[in-house]
N, C-alpha and C. Protein backbone atom coordinates (compact mmCIF):
# COMPACT_ATOMS: atom_id res chain seq x y z
N UNK A 1 83.24 38.14 -34.40
CA UNK A 1 81.83 37.80 -34.35
C UNK A 1 81.56 36.56 -35.19
N UNK A 2 80.74 35.65 -34.65
CA UNK A 2 80.40 34.44 -35.38
C UNK A 2 79.27 34.78 -36.35
N UNK A 3 79.56 34.76 -37.63
CA UNK A 3 78.62 35.28 -38.62
C UNK A 3 77.40 34.39 -38.83
N UNK A 4 77.51 33.10 -38.50
CA UNK A 4 76.37 32.21 -38.73
C UNK A 4 75.50 32.07 -37.49
N UNK A 5 75.77 32.84 -36.46
CA UNK A 5 74.95 32.79 -35.26
C UNK A 5 73.70 33.65 -35.47
N UNK A 6 72.60 33.26 -34.82
CA UNK A 6 71.33 33.97 -34.92
C UNK A 6 71.54 35.44 -34.59
N UNK A 7 71.15 36.34 -35.48
CA UNK A 7 71.49 37.75 -35.35
C UNK A 7 70.97 38.37 -34.06
N UNK A 8 69.81 37.91 -33.58
CA UNK A 8 69.24 38.49 -32.36
C UNK A 8 70.04 38.14 -31.12
N UNK A 9 70.75 37.03 -31.16
CA UNK A 9 71.49 36.56 -29.98
C UNK A 9 72.95 36.98 -29.98
N UNK A 10 73.40 37.62 -31.04
CA UNK A 10 74.83 37.93 -31.12
C UNK A 10 75.11 39.41 -30.89
N UNK A 11 74.18 40.11 -30.20
CA UNK A 11 74.37 41.54 -30.01
C UNK A 11 75.74 41.84 -29.40
N UNK A 12 76.37 42.85 -29.96
CA UNK A 12 77.66 43.32 -29.46
C UNK A 12 77.73 44.82 -29.71
N UNK A 13 78.15 45.57 -28.72
CA UNK A 13 78.23 47.02 -28.84
C UNK A 13 79.45 47.40 -29.68
N UNK A 14 79.31 47.23 -30.97
CA UNK A 14 80.43 47.49 -31.88
C UNK A 14 79.91 48.02 -33.20
N UNK A 15 80.77 48.73 -33.89
CA UNK A 15 80.41 49.28 -35.20
C UNK A 15 80.15 48.16 -36.20
N UNK A 16 80.90 47.06 -36.09
CA UNK A 16 80.73 45.96 -37.04
C UNK A 16 79.37 45.30 -36.87
N UNK A 17 78.93 45.12 -35.62
CA UNK A 17 77.62 44.52 -35.42
C UNK A 17 76.51 45.47 -35.87
N UNK A 18 76.66 46.75 -35.58
CA UNK A 18 75.63 47.71 -36.00
C UNK A 18 75.49 47.71 -37.52
N UNK A 19 76.59 47.60 -38.22
CA UNK A 19 76.54 47.56 -39.69
C UNK A 19 75.75 46.35 -40.16
N UNK A 20 75.98 45.20 -39.53
CA UNK A 20 75.25 43.98 -39.88
C UNK A 20 73.77 44.14 -39.56
N UNK A 21 73.48 44.73 -38.41
CA UNK A 21 72.09 44.92 -37.99
C UNK A 21 71.34 45.85 -38.94
N UNK A 22 71.94 46.95 -39.30
CA UNK A 22 71.29 47.90 -40.22
C UNK A 22 71.03 47.24 -41.57
N UNK A 23 72.00 46.50 -42.06
CA UNK A 23 71.82 45.80 -43.33
C UNK A 23 70.66 44.82 -43.24
N UNK A 24 70.57 44.11 -42.14
CA UNK A 24 69.48 43.17 -41.91
C UNK A 24 68.12 43.89 -41.90
N UNK A 25 68.05 45.01 -41.20
CA UNK A 25 66.80 45.76 -41.08
C UNK A 25 66.37 46.39 -42.40
N UNK A 26 67.32 46.73 -43.24
CA UNK A 26 66.98 47.34 -44.53
C UNK A 26 66.12 46.41 -45.39
N UNK A 27 66.28 45.12 -45.21
CA UNK A 27 65.51 44.16 -46.00
C UNK A 27 64.06 44.07 -45.55
N UNK A 28 63.75 44.66 -44.39
CA UNK A 28 62.37 44.66 -43.89
C UNK A 28 61.70 46.02 -44.02
N UNK A 29 62.42 47.01 -44.57
CA UNK A 29 61.88 48.37 -44.65
C UNK A 29 61.87 48.87 -46.09
N UNK A 30 60.99 49.84 -46.32
CA UNK A 30 60.82 50.38 -47.67
C UNK A 30 61.87 51.42 -48.03
N UNK A 31 62.04 51.64 -49.33
CA UNK A 31 63.05 52.58 -49.82
C UNK A 31 62.82 53.98 -49.30
N UNK A 32 61.56 54.34 -49.06
CA UNK A 32 61.22 55.69 -48.60
C UNK A 32 61.82 56.02 -47.24
N UNK A 33 62.19 54.99 -46.47
CA UNK A 33 62.80 55.22 -45.15
C UNK A 33 64.21 54.66 -45.07
N UNK A 34 64.79 54.33 -46.21
CA UNK A 34 66.18 53.89 -46.21
C UNK A 34 66.39 52.41 -46.39
N UNK A 35 65.31 51.67 -46.69
CA UNK A 35 65.44 50.23 -46.86
C UNK A 35 65.53 49.82 -48.31
N UNK A 36 65.32 48.53 -48.55
CA UNK A 36 65.46 47.97 -49.89
C UNK A 36 64.12 47.58 -50.53
N UNK A 37 63.05 47.60 -49.76
CA UNK A 37 61.78 47.11 -50.27
C UNK A 37 61.03 48.15 -51.09
N UNK A 38 60.28 47.68 -52.06
CA UNK A 38 59.39 48.54 -52.83
C UNK A 38 58.04 48.56 -52.10
N UNK A 39 57.49 49.74 -51.89
CA UNK A 39 56.21 49.84 -51.18
C UNK A 39 55.11 49.18 -52.01
N UNK A 40 54.39 48.24 -51.39
CA UNK A 40 53.35 47.49 -52.09
C UNK A 40 51.95 47.85 -51.64
N UNK A 41 51.83 48.53 -50.52
CA UNK A 41 50.52 48.84 -49.96
C UNK A 41 49.96 47.75 -49.08
N UNK A 42 50.68 46.65 -48.93
CA UNK A 42 50.18 45.51 -48.16
C UNK A 42 50.39 45.68 -46.65
N UNK A 43 51.17 46.68 -46.26
CA UNK A 43 51.48 46.94 -44.85
C UNK A 43 52.06 45.70 -44.16
N UNK A 44 52.92 45.01 -44.88
CA UNK A 44 53.59 43.82 -44.33
C UNK A 44 55.08 44.10 -44.10
N UNK A 45 55.39 45.39 -43.90
CA UNK A 45 56.78 45.80 -43.75
C UNK A 45 56.96 46.48 -42.39
N UNK A 46 58.21 46.60 -41.98
CA UNK A 46 58.55 47.28 -40.73
C UNK A 46 58.44 48.79 -40.94
N UNK A 47 57.58 49.45 -40.17
CA UNK A 47 57.42 50.91 -40.33
C UNK A 47 58.39 51.64 -39.40
N UNK A 48 59.65 51.38 -39.63
CA UNK A 48 60.74 52.01 -38.88
C UNK A 48 61.86 52.36 -39.85
N UNK A 49 62.57 53.41 -39.54
CA UNK A 49 63.80 53.72 -40.25
C UNK A 49 64.87 52.75 -39.74
N UNK A 50 65.55 52.01 -40.62
CA UNK A 50 66.51 50.99 -40.15
C UNK A 50 67.63 51.56 -39.30
N UNK A 51 68.05 52.79 -39.58
CA UNK A 51 69.12 53.41 -38.78
C UNK A 51 68.60 53.80 -37.40
N UNK A 52 67.37 54.30 -37.35
CA UNK A 52 66.79 54.72 -36.08
C UNK A 52 66.50 53.53 -35.18
N UNK A 53 65.90 52.48 -35.73
CA UNK A 53 65.55 51.33 -34.90
C UNK A 53 66.81 50.60 -34.43
N UNK A 54 67.86 50.63 -35.25
CA UNK A 54 69.14 50.05 -34.82
C UNK A 54 69.71 50.84 -33.65
N UNK A 55 69.67 52.17 -33.75
CA UNK A 55 70.16 53.00 -32.65
C UNK A 55 69.32 52.78 -31.38
N UNK A 56 68.02 52.59 -31.55
CA UNK A 56 67.16 52.33 -30.39
C UNK A 56 67.54 51.02 -29.72
N UNK A 57 67.73 49.98 -30.51
CA UNK A 57 68.12 48.68 -29.94
C UNK A 57 69.45 48.80 -29.21
N UNK A 58 70.40 49.51 -29.79
CA UNK A 58 71.70 49.70 -29.14
C UNK A 58 71.53 50.45 -27.82
N UNK A 59 70.73 51.51 -27.82
CA UNK A 59 70.54 52.28 -26.60
C UNK A 59 69.92 51.41 -25.51
N UNK A 60 68.87 50.68 -25.85
CA UNK A 60 68.17 49.87 -24.85
C UNK A 60 69.05 48.75 -24.32
N UNK A 61 69.80 48.11 -25.19
CA UNK A 61 70.71 47.04 -24.75
C UNK A 61 71.77 47.58 -23.79
N UNK A 62 72.35 48.70 -24.13
CA UNK A 62 73.38 49.29 -23.27
C UNK A 62 72.77 49.82 -21.97
N UNK A 63 71.53 50.30 -22.03
CA UNK A 63 70.84 50.76 -20.82
C UNK A 63 70.65 49.59 -19.85
N UNK A 64 70.27 48.44 -20.38
CA UNK A 64 70.12 47.26 -19.54
C UNK A 64 71.44 46.91 -18.84
N UNK A 65 72.50 46.90 -19.60
CA UNK A 65 73.81 46.53 -19.04
C UNK A 65 74.28 47.54 -18.00
N UNK A 66 74.13 48.81 -18.30
CA UNK A 66 74.62 49.86 -17.41
C UNK A 66 73.82 49.92 -16.11
N UNK A 67 72.52 49.73 -16.20
CA UNK A 67 71.65 49.92 -15.04
C UNK A 67 71.23 48.61 -14.36
N UNK A 68 71.66 47.48 -14.95
CA UNK A 68 71.24 46.17 -14.44
C UNK A 68 69.71 46.13 -14.30
N UNK A 69 69.06 46.66 -15.31
CA UNK A 69 67.61 46.78 -15.37
C UNK A 69 67.17 46.15 -16.69
N UNK A 70 66.23 45.24 -16.64
CA UNK A 70 65.90 44.49 -17.85
C UNK A 70 64.45 44.72 -18.27
N UNK A 71 64.24 44.83 -19.56
CA UNK A 71 62.94 45.13 -20.11
C UNK A 71 62.12 43.83 -20.22
N UNK A 72 61.50 43.47 -19.11
CA UNK A 72 60.72 42.23 -19.06
C UNK A 72 59.25 42.44 -19.43
N UNK A 73 58.69 43.58 -19.08
CA UNK A 73 57.27 43.85 -19.34
C UNK A 73 57.14 45.03 -20.30
N UNK A 74 56.47 44.77 -21.41
CA UNK A 74 56.41 45.73 -22.51
C UNK A 74 54.96 46.08 -22.83
N UNK A 75 54.65 47.38 -22.83
CA UNK A 75 53.34 47.88 -23.24
C UNK A 75 53.50 48.62 -24.56
N UNK A 76 52.78 48.17 -25.59
CA UNK A 76 52.84 48.84 -26.89
C UNK A 76 51.47 49.43 -27.20
N UNK A 77 51.41 50.74 -27.28
CA UNK A 77 50.17 51.45 -27.58
C UNK A 77 50.20 51.80 -29.06
N UNK A 78 49.42 51.07 -29.84
CA UNK A 78 49.48 51.15 -31.30
C UNK A 78 50.18 49.91 -31.82
N UNK A 79 49.57 48.75 -31.60
CA UNK A 79 50.18 47.46 -31.95
C UNK A 79 50.25 47.26 -33.45
N UNK A 80 49.24 47.77 -34.16
CA UNK A 80 49.15 47.63 -35.62
C UNK A 80 49.23 46.14 -36.00
N UNK A 81 50.08 45.79 -36.97
CA UNK A 81 50.22 44.39 -37.36
C UNK A 81 51.24 43.65 -36.51
N UNK A 82 51.86 44.35 -35.56
CA UNK A 82 52.77 43.69 -34.62
C UNK A 82 54.18 43.47 -35.12
N UNK A 83 54.56 44.11 -36.21
CA UNK A 83 55.89 43.85 -36.79
C UNK A 83 57.00 44.45 -35.93
N UNK A 84 56.82 45.69 -35.49
CA UNK A 84 57.81 46.28 -34.58
C UNK A 84 57.84 45.51 -33.27
N UNK A 85 56.68 45.07 -32.80
CA UNK A 85 56.59 44.29 -31.58
C UNK A 85 57.43 43.02 -31.67
N UNK A 86 57.30 42.31 -32.79
CA UNK A 86 58.06 41.08 -32.97
C UNK A 86 59.56 41.34 -33.01
N UNK A 87 59.95 42.40 -33.71
CA UNK A 87 61.38 42.72 -33.78
C UNK A 87 61.96 42.97 -32.39
N UNK A 88 61.29 43.82 -31.60
CA UNK A 88 61.80 44.13 -30.27
C UNK A 88 61.76 42.90 -29.37
N UNK A 89 60.74 42.07 -29.53
CA UNK A 89 60.64 40.86 -28.72
C UNK A 89 61.78 39.90 -29.03
N UNK A 90 62.21 39.84 -30.27
CA UNK A 90 63.32 38.97 -30.64
C UNK A 90 64.60 39.38 -29.91
N UNK A 91 64.77 40.68 -29.72
CA UNK A 91 65.99 41.16 -29.07
C UNK A 91 65.91 41.12 -27.54
N UNK A 92 64.72 41.38 -26.99
CA UNK A 92 64.63 41.55 -25.54
C UNK A 92 63.88 40.43 -24.83
N UNK A 93 63.25 39.54 -25.59
CA UNK A 93 62.62 38.34 -25.02
C UNK A 93 61.73 38.71 -23.82
N UNK A 94 60.76 39.58 -24.07
CA UNK A 94 59.88 40.05 -23.02
C UNK A 94 59.15 38.89 -22.34
N UNK A 95 59.02 38.98 -21.03
CA UNK A 95 58.28 37.95 -20.30
C UNK A 95 56.78 38.19 -20.38
N UNK A 96 56.38 39.45 -20.59
CA UNK A 96 54.97 39.77 -20.76
C UNK A 96 54.83 40.97 -21.68
N UNK A 97 53.91 40.87 -22.62
CA UNK A 97 53.63 41.95 -23.56
C UNK A 97 52.14 42.29 -23.49
N UNK A 98 51.85 43.58 -23.42
CA UNK A 98 50.47 44.04 -23.54
C UNK A 98 50.43 44.99 -24.74
N UNK A 99 49.55 44.69 -25.69
CA UNK A 99 49.39 45.53 -26.88
C UNK A 99 47.99 46.12 -26.92
N UNK A 100 47.90 47.37 -27.36
CA UNK A 100 46.60 48.04 -27.47
C UNK A 100 46.44 48.57 -28.89
N UNK A 101 45.29 48.26 -29.50
CA UNK A 101 44.99 48.79 -30.83
C UNK A 101 43.51 48.55 -31.14
N UNK A 102 42.88 49.52 -31.78
CA UNK A 102 41.49 49.36 -32.19
C UNK A 102 41.39 48.77 -33.60
N UNK A 103 42.52 48.65 -34.30
CA UNK A 103 42.59 48.03 -35.63
C UNK A 103 41.59 48.65 -36.61
N UNK A 104 41.65 49.98 -36.71
CA UNK A 104 40.74 50.70 -37.59
C UNK A 104 41.22 50.70 -39.04
N UNK A 105 42.50 50.48 -39.26
CA UNK A 105 43.06 50.62 -40.59
C UNK A 105 43.29 49.26 -41.24
N UNK A 106 43.52 49.27 -42.55
CA UNK A 106 43.69 48.05 -43.31
C UNK A 106 44.96 47.31 -42.97
N UNK A 107 44.84 46.28 -42.16
CA UNK A 107 45.99 45.46 -41.77
C UNK A 107 45.74 44.04 -42.26
N UNK A 108 46.73 43.43 -42.84
CA UNK A 108 46.62 42.05 -43.30
C UNK A 108 46.41 41.12 -42.11
N UNK A 109 45.33 40.33 -42.18
CA UNK A 109 45.06 39.38 -41.10
C UNK A 109 46.17 38.35 -40.96
N UNK A 110 46.72 37.91 -42.09
CA UNK A 110 47.81 36.91 -42.04
C UNK A 110 49.05 37.48 -41.37
N UNK A 111 49.37 38.75 -41.68
CA UNK A 111 50.54 39.38 -41.06
C UNK A 111 50.31 39.55 -39.56
N UNK A 112 49.10 40.00 -39.20
CA UNK A 112 48.78 40.18 -37.78
C UNK A 112 48.89 38.86 -37.02
N UNK A 113 48.28 37.81 -37.54
CA UNK A 113 48.31 36.52 -36.85
C UNK A 113 49.73 36.01 -36.69
N UNK A 114 50.54 36.20 -37.72
CA UNK A 114 51.93 35.72 -37.63
C UNK A 114 52.71 36.45 -36.55
N UNK A 115 52.29 37.69 -36.24
CA UNK A 115 52.99 38.46 -35.22
C UNK A 115 52.35 38.35 -33.83
N UNK A 116 51.36 37.49 -33.70
CA UNK A 116 50.80 37.17 -32.39
C UNK A 116 51.43 35.91 -31.80
N UNK A 117 52.08 35.14 -32.63
CA UNK A 117 52.56 33.81 -32.22
C UNK A 117 53.84 33.89 -31.38
N UNK A 118 53.99 32.88 -30.54
CA UNK A 118 55.22 32.66 -29.76
C UNK A 118 55.53 33.82 -28.81
N UNK A 119 54.49 34.41 -28.23
CA UNK A 119 54.67 35.51 -27.28
C UNK A 119 53.73 35.30 -26.09
N UNK A 120 54.14 35.79 -24.94
CA UNK A 120 53.23 35.88 -23.80
C UNK A 120 52.54 37.23 -23.93
N UNK A 121 51.44 37.26 -24.69
CA UNK A 121 50.84 38.50 -25.16
C UNK A 121 49.39 38.63 -24.73
N UNK A 122 49.06 39.80 -24.20
CA UNK A 122 47.67 40.19 -23.96
C UNK A 122 47.37 41.33 -24.92
N UNK A 123 46.34 41.15 -25.76
CA UNK A 123 46.00 42.17 -26.75
C UNK A 123 44.65 42.78 -26.39
N UNK A 124 44.66 44.10 -26.15
CA UNK A 124 43.44 44.84 -25.84
C UNK A 124 42.97 45.50 -27.13
N UNK A 125 41.88 44.98 -27.71
CA UNK A 125 41.42 45.45 -29.03
C UNK A 125 40.38 46.54 -28.85
N UNK A 126 40.83 47.71 -28.47
CA UNK A 126 39.91 48.80 -28.18
C UNK A 126 40.64 50.13 -28.25
N UNK A 127 39.88 51.20 -28.12
CA UNK A 127 40.44 52.54 -28.17
C UNK A 127 41.31 52.79 -26.94
N UNK A 128 42.41 53.49 -27.13
CA UNK A 128 43.32 53.73 -26.01
C UNK A 128 42.71 54.64 -24.95
N UNK A 129 41.68 55.41 -25.31
CA UNK A 129 41.03 56.32 -24.37
C UNK A 129 39.91 55.65 -23.57
N UNK A 130 39.55 54.43 -23.95
CA UNK A 130 38.47 53.73 -23.27
C UNK A 130 38.86 53.45 -21.81
N UNK A 131 37.95 53.77 -20.89
CA UNK A 131 38.24 53.61 -19.46
C UNK A 131 38.60 52.17 -19.10
N UNK A 132 37.88 51.21 -19.68
CA UNK A 132 38.17 49.81 -19.40
C UNK A 132 39.55 49.41 -19.90
N UNK A 133 39.92 49.95 -21.07
CA UNK A 133 41.25 49.67 -21.63
C UNK A 133 42.34 50.17 -20.69
N UNK A 134 42.19 51.39 -20.23
CA UNK A 134 43.18 51.98 -19.31
C UNK A 134 43.25 51.19 -18.02
N UNK A 135 42.08 50.82 -17.49
CA UNK A 135 42.03 50.05 -16.24
C UNK A 135 42.69 48.68 -16.41
N UNK A 136 42.43 48.02 -17.54
CA UNK A 136 43.04 46.71 -17.79
C UNK A 136 44.55 46.80 -17.93
N UNK A 137 45.00 47.83 -18.63
CA UNK A 137 46.44 48.04 -18.77
C UNK A 137 47.07 48.34 -17.42
N UNK A 138 46.40 49.14 -16.62
CA UNK A 138 46.91 49.50 -15.29
C UNK A 138 47.01 48.25 -14.39
N UNK A 139 46.06 47.36 -14.52
CA UNK A 139 46.04 46.15 -13.68
C UNK A 139 47.25 45.26 -13.94
N UNK A 140 47.85 45.39 -15.11
CA UNK A 140 49.02 44.57 -15.45
C UNK A 140 50.34 45.34 -15.32
N UNK A 141 50.26 46.57 -14.84
CA UNK A 141 51.45 47.41 -14.69
C UNK A 141 52.18 47.05 -13.39
N UNK A 142 53.41 47.58 -13.19
CA UNK A 142 54.11 48.55 -14.04
C UNK A 142 54.83 47.87 -15.22
N UNK A 143 55.20 48.69 -16.19
CA UNK A 143 55.89 48.21 -17.38
C UNK A 143 57.31 48.78 -17.42
N UNK A 144 58.22 47.97 -17.91
CA UNK A 144 59.61 48.41 -18.02
C UNK A 144 59.84 49.24 -19.28
N UNK A 145 59.00 49.01 -20.27
CA UNK A 145 59.14 49.71 -21.56
C UNK A 145 57.74 49.98 -22.10
N UNK A 146 57.49 51.24 -22.47
CA UNK A 146 56.21 51.62 -23.08
C UNK A 146 56.50 52.31 -24.41
N UNK A 147 55.89 51.82 -25.47
CA UNK A 147 56.07 52.36 -26.82
C UNK A 147 54.74 52.97 -27.24
N UNK A 148 54.71 54.29 -27.47
CA UNK A 148 53.47 54.97 -27.84
C UNK A 148 53.53 55.35 -29.33
N UNK A 149 52.62 54.73 -30.10
CA UNK A 149 52.61 54.95 -31.56
C UNK A 149 51.20 54.72 -32.08
N UNK A 150 50.22 55.41 -31.49
CA UNK A 150 48.82 55.20 -31.85
C UNK A 150 48.26 56.45 -32.51
N UNK A 151 47.34 57.14 -31.84
CA UNK A 151 46.74 58.36 -32.37
C UNK A 151 47.80 59.46 -32.42
N UNK A 152 48.06 60.00 -33.62
CA UNK A 152 49.15 60.95 -33.79
C UNK A 152 48.71 62.42 -33.75
N UNK A 153 47.43 62.66 -33.50
CA UNK A 153 47.02 64.05 -33.31
C UNK A 153 47.56 64.54 -31.96
N UNK A 154 47.62 65.84 -31.80
CA UNK A 154 48.13 66.38 -30.54
C UNK A 154 47.31 65.90 -29.35
N UNK A 155 45.99 65.99 -29.44
CA UNK A 155 45.15 65.55 -28.34
C UNK A 155 45.26 64.05 -28.11
N UNK A 156 45.38 63.30 -29.21
CA UNK A 156 45.49 61.85 -29.09
C UNK A 156 46.75 61.40 -28.39
N UNK A 157 47.90 61.92 -28.83
CA UNK A 157 49.17 61.52 -28.22
C UNK A 157 49.29 62.07 -26.80
N UNK A 158 48.73 63.25 -26.58
CA UNK A 158 48.75 63.85 -25.24
C UNK A 158 47.96 62.99 -24.25
N UNK A 159 46.78 62.52 -24.68
CA UNK A 159 45.97 61.66 -23.83
C UNK A 159 46.65 60.33 -23.56
N UNK A 160 47.28 59.75 -24.60
CA UNK A 160 47.97 58.47 -24.39
C UNK A 160 49.12 58.63 -23.41
N UNK A 161 49.85 59.72 -23.52
CA UNK A 161 50.96 59.94 -22.59
C UNK A 161 50.43 60.15 -21.17
N UNK A 162 49.38 60.94 -21.06
CA UNK A 162 48.78 61.21 -19.75
C UNK A 162 48.25 59.94 -19.10
N UNK A 163 47.59 59.09 -19.88
CA UNK A 163 46.95 57.90 -19.34
C UNK A 163 47.91 56.76 -19.05
N UNK A 164 48.97 56.64 -19.84
CA UNK A 164 49.82 55.45 -19.74
C UNK A 164 51.21 55.70 -19.17
N UNK A 165 51.70 56.93 -19.21
CA UNK A 165 53.03 57.19 -18.65
C UNK A 165 53.11 56.88 -17.14
N UNK A 166 52.02 57.04 -16.36
CA UNK A 166 52.11 56.69 -14.94
C UNK A 166 52.31 55.19 -14.69
N UNK A 167 52.16 54.38 -15.74
CA UNK A 167 52.29 52.93 -15.59
C UNK A 167 53.73 52.44 -15.76
N UNK A 168 54.66 53.37 -15.99
CA UNK A 168 56.06 52.97 -16.20
C UNK A 168 56.74 52.66 -14.87
N UNK A 169 57.58 51.65 -14.89
CA UNK A 169 58.32 51.26 -13.69
C UNK A 169 59.46 52.24 -13.43
N UNK A 170 59.95 52.24 -12.21
CA UNK A 170 61.13 53.02 -11.90
C UNK A 170 62.28 52.54 -12.78
N UNK A 171 63.00 53.47 -13.38
CA UNK A 171 64.07 53.21 -14.35
C UNK A 171 63.54 52.80 -15.73
N UNK A 172 62.22 52.70 -15.87
CA UNK A 172 61.65 52.32 -17.16
C UNK A 172 61.77 53.43 -18.20
N UNK A 173 61.52 53.08 -19.45
CA UNK A 173 61.65 54.01 -20.56
C UNK A 173 60.35 54.08 -21.36
N UNK A 174 59.93 55.30 -21.68
CA UNK A 174 58.78 55.54 -22.55
C UNK A 174 59.31 56.01 -23.91
N UNK A 175 58.78 55.43 -24.96
CA UNK A 175 59.21 55.78 -26.32
C UNK A 175 58.04 56.43 -27.06
N UNK A 176 58.31 57.55 -27.71
CA UNK A 176 57.34 58.18 -28.61
C UNK A 176 57.85 58.03 -30.04
N UNK A 177 56.98 57.57 -30.92
CA UNK A 177 57.38 57.43 -32.32
C UNK A 177 56.87 58.61 -33.14
N UNK A 178 57.56 58.93 -34.22
CA UNK A 178 57.18 59.98 -35.17
C UNK A 178 57.36 61.39 -34.61
N UNK A 179 58.34 61.59 -33.76
CA UNK A 179 58.53 62.93 -33.19
C UNK A 179 59.08 63.92 -34.21
N UNK A 180 59.57 63.43 -35.36
CA UNK A 180 60.11 64.32 -36.39
C UNK A 180 59.34 64.23 -37.70
N UNK A 181 58.20 63.55 -37.67
CA UNK A 181 57.41 63.40 -38.88
C UNK A 181 56.63 64.69 -39.14
N UNK A 182 56.87 65.35 -40.29
CA UNK A 182 56.21 66.64 -40.56
C UNK A 182 54.71 66.54 -40.73
N UNK A 183 54.19 65.32 -40.96
CA UNK A 183 52.75 65.14 -41.10
C UNK A 183 52.05 65.05 -39.74
N UNK A 184 52.82 64.78 -38.70
CA UNK A 184 52.25 64.59 -37.37
C UNK A 184 52.86 65.61 -36.41
N UNK A 185 52.53 66.86 -36.62
CA UNK A 185 53.12 67.93 -35.81
C UNK A 185 52.71 67.86 -34.34
N UNK A 186 51.58 67.19 -34.07
CA UNK A 186 51.14 67.06 -32.69
C UNK A 186 52.09 66.26 -31.84
N UNK A 187 52.73 65.25 -32.44
CA UNK A 187 53.69 64.44 -31.68
C UNK A 187 54.90 65.29 -31.31
N UNK A 188 55.40 66.06 -32.27
CA UNK A 188 56.54 66.95 -32.02
C UNK A 188 56.17 68.01 -30.96
N UNK A 189 54.96 68.52 -31.03
CA UNK A 189 54.51 69.52 -30.06
C UNK A 189 54.52 68.95 -28.65
N UNK A 190 54.00 67.73 -28.49
CA UNK A 190 53.99 67.11 -27.17
C UNK A 190 55.42 66.86 -26.69
N UNK A 191 56.28 66.36 -27.58
CA UNK A 191 57.68 66.10 -27.23
C UNK A 191 58.34 67.37 -26.69
N UNK A 192 58.12 68.49 -27.38
CA UNK A 192 58.70 69.77 -26.94
C UNK A 192 58.14 70.19 -25.58
N UNK A 193 56.86 69.97 -25.37
CA UNK A 193 56.25 70.33 -24.09
C UNK A 193 56.81 69.49 -22.95
N UNK A 194 56.98 68.20 -23.19
CA UNK A 194 57.54 67.32 -22.15
C UNK A 194 58.97 67.75 -21.83
N UNK A 195 59.72 68.09 -22.87
CA UNK A 195 61.11 68.51 -22.68
C UNK A 195 61.20 69.76 -21.81
N UNK A 196 60.26 70.66 -21.98
CA UNK A 196 60.28 71.91 -21.21
C UNK A 196 60.00 71.70 -19.72
N UNK A 197 59.35 70.61 -19.36
CA UNK A 197 59.05 70.36 -17.95
C UNK A 197 60.31 70.00 -17.16
N UNK A 198 61.33 69.50 -17.87
CA UNK A 198 62.60 69.09 -17.26
C UNK A 198 62.41 67.99 -16.21
N UNK A 199 61.33 67.25 -16.31
CA UNK A 199 61.08 66.15 -15.37
C UNK A 199 61.77 64.86 -15.79
N UNK A 200 62.22 64.83 -17.05
CA UNK A 200 62.73 63.59 -17.60
C UNK A 200 64.09 63.78 -18.26
N UNK A 201 64.82 62.69 -18.35
CA UNK A 201 65.98 62.63 -19.24
C UNK A 201 65.41 62.25 -20.60
N UNK A 202 65.83 62.95 -21.64
CA UNK A 202 65.25 62.72 -22.96
C UNK A 202 66.33 62.56 -24.02
N UNK A 203 66.06 61.63 -24.93
CA UNK A 203 67.01 61.38 -26.01
C UNK A 203 66.25 61.26 -27.31
N UNK A 204 66.76 61.92 -28.33
CA UNK A 204 66.12 61.91 -29.65
C UNK A 204 66.98 61.08 -30.61
N UNK A 205 66.31 60.19 -31.34
CA UNK A 205 66.98 59.39 -32.36
C UNK A 205 66.34 59.75 -33.70
N UNK A 206 67.15 60.24 -34.63
CA UNK A 206 66.60 60.69 -35.90
C UNK A 206 67.62 60.54 -37.01
N UNK A 207 67.17 59.98 -38.13
CA UNK A 207 68.01 59.83 -39.31
C UNK A 207 67.35 60.58 -40.46
N UNK A 208 67.99 61.63 -40.93
CA UNK A 208 67.43 62.49 -41.97
C UNK A 208 67.86 61.98 -43.35
N UNK A 209 67.28 62.59 -44.38
CA UNK A 209 67.74 62.30 -45.73
C UNK A 209 66.86 61.35 -46.51
N UNK A 210 65.72 60.94 -45.94
CA UNK A 210 64.81 60.03 -46.65
C UNK A 210 63.45 60.71 -46.83
N UNK A 211 62.69 60.32 -47.87
CA UNK A 211 61.40 60.98 -48.13
C UNK A 211 60.43 60.93 -46.95
N UNK A 212 60.38 59.78 -46.24
CA UNK A 212 59.51 59.65 -45.07
C UNK A 212 60.37 59.77 -43.81
N UNK A 213 59.97 60.65 -42.94
CA UNK A 213 60.74 60.89 -41.71
C UNK A 213 59.92 60.40 -40.51
N UNK A 214 60.60 59.74 -39.59
CA UNK A 214 59.95 59.24 -38.39
C UNK A 214 60.47 59.97 -37.15
N UNK A 215 61.57 59.49 -36.60
CA UNK A 215 62.12 60.05 -35.37
C UNK A 215 61.59 59.31 -34.15
N UNK A 216 62.48 58.92 -33.27
CA UNK A 216 62.14 58.18 -32.07
C UNK A 216 62.59 58.98 -30.85
N UNK A 217 61.69 59.19 -29.91
CA UNK A 217 62.03 59.92 -28.69
C UNK A 217 61.98 59.03 -27.47
N UNK A 218 63.00 59.08 -26.64
CA UNK A 218 63.06 58.28 -25.42
C UNK A 218 62.91 59.20 -24.21
N UNK A 219 62.07 58.79 -23.28
CA UNK A 219 61.76 59.57 -22.09
C UNK A 219 62.03 58.71 -20.86
N UNK A 220 62.91 59.21 -19.99
CA UNK A 220 63.31 58.44 -18.80
C UNK A 220 63.13 59.34 -17.59
N UNK A 221 62.42 58.84 -16.58
CA UNK A 221 62.22 59.63 -15.37
C UNK A 221 63.53 59.86 -14.67
N UNK A 222 63.75 61.09 -14.21
CA UNK A 222 64.97 61.41 -13.48
C UNK A 222 64.92 60.81 -12.08
């Protein structure tokens, strides 16, 4: 591997590359989830477990190669400051991104603006349950990849899945975040319910042993 090459462009399905990737991601994440950063309250950090997000990137990259299916259109429900969005965009170079968020929580304007740049991005600044929001998102569908990480109550995540999962393309993947977070039992409840339907192929990505637990769930139509 050429060590001075841009990390996003040198992906290789190997243990050596994964080690480099995890080390890189640790510098963007807080100690509570396995990273090196001290939590400052500024919300200018990646809210992902570095081991989990690395496994997700590996899975998606290999899925593209195996299925000759590429993640060109990305819908992110729960855009927040856009840090996860930027990371995934660096790896997959989406041709179109649609983000949805009502921006109710304290997010740094500077961080948000920096994560809007250099993307073909449509940002819907409204509640995910709003009829106009759903209609606008539907008008730009189907999506190859949908990431759901907004309202974490059971009713909230259930509604987001109900409203936006029909917008996924054939062979597309839906991602649920926080399926193992003990503070958000509604996400885990929905994940278990979806699993029981047996309508989907499902994969769980989880790294234990840290004070804050996330967990990433992948849902693929059979």
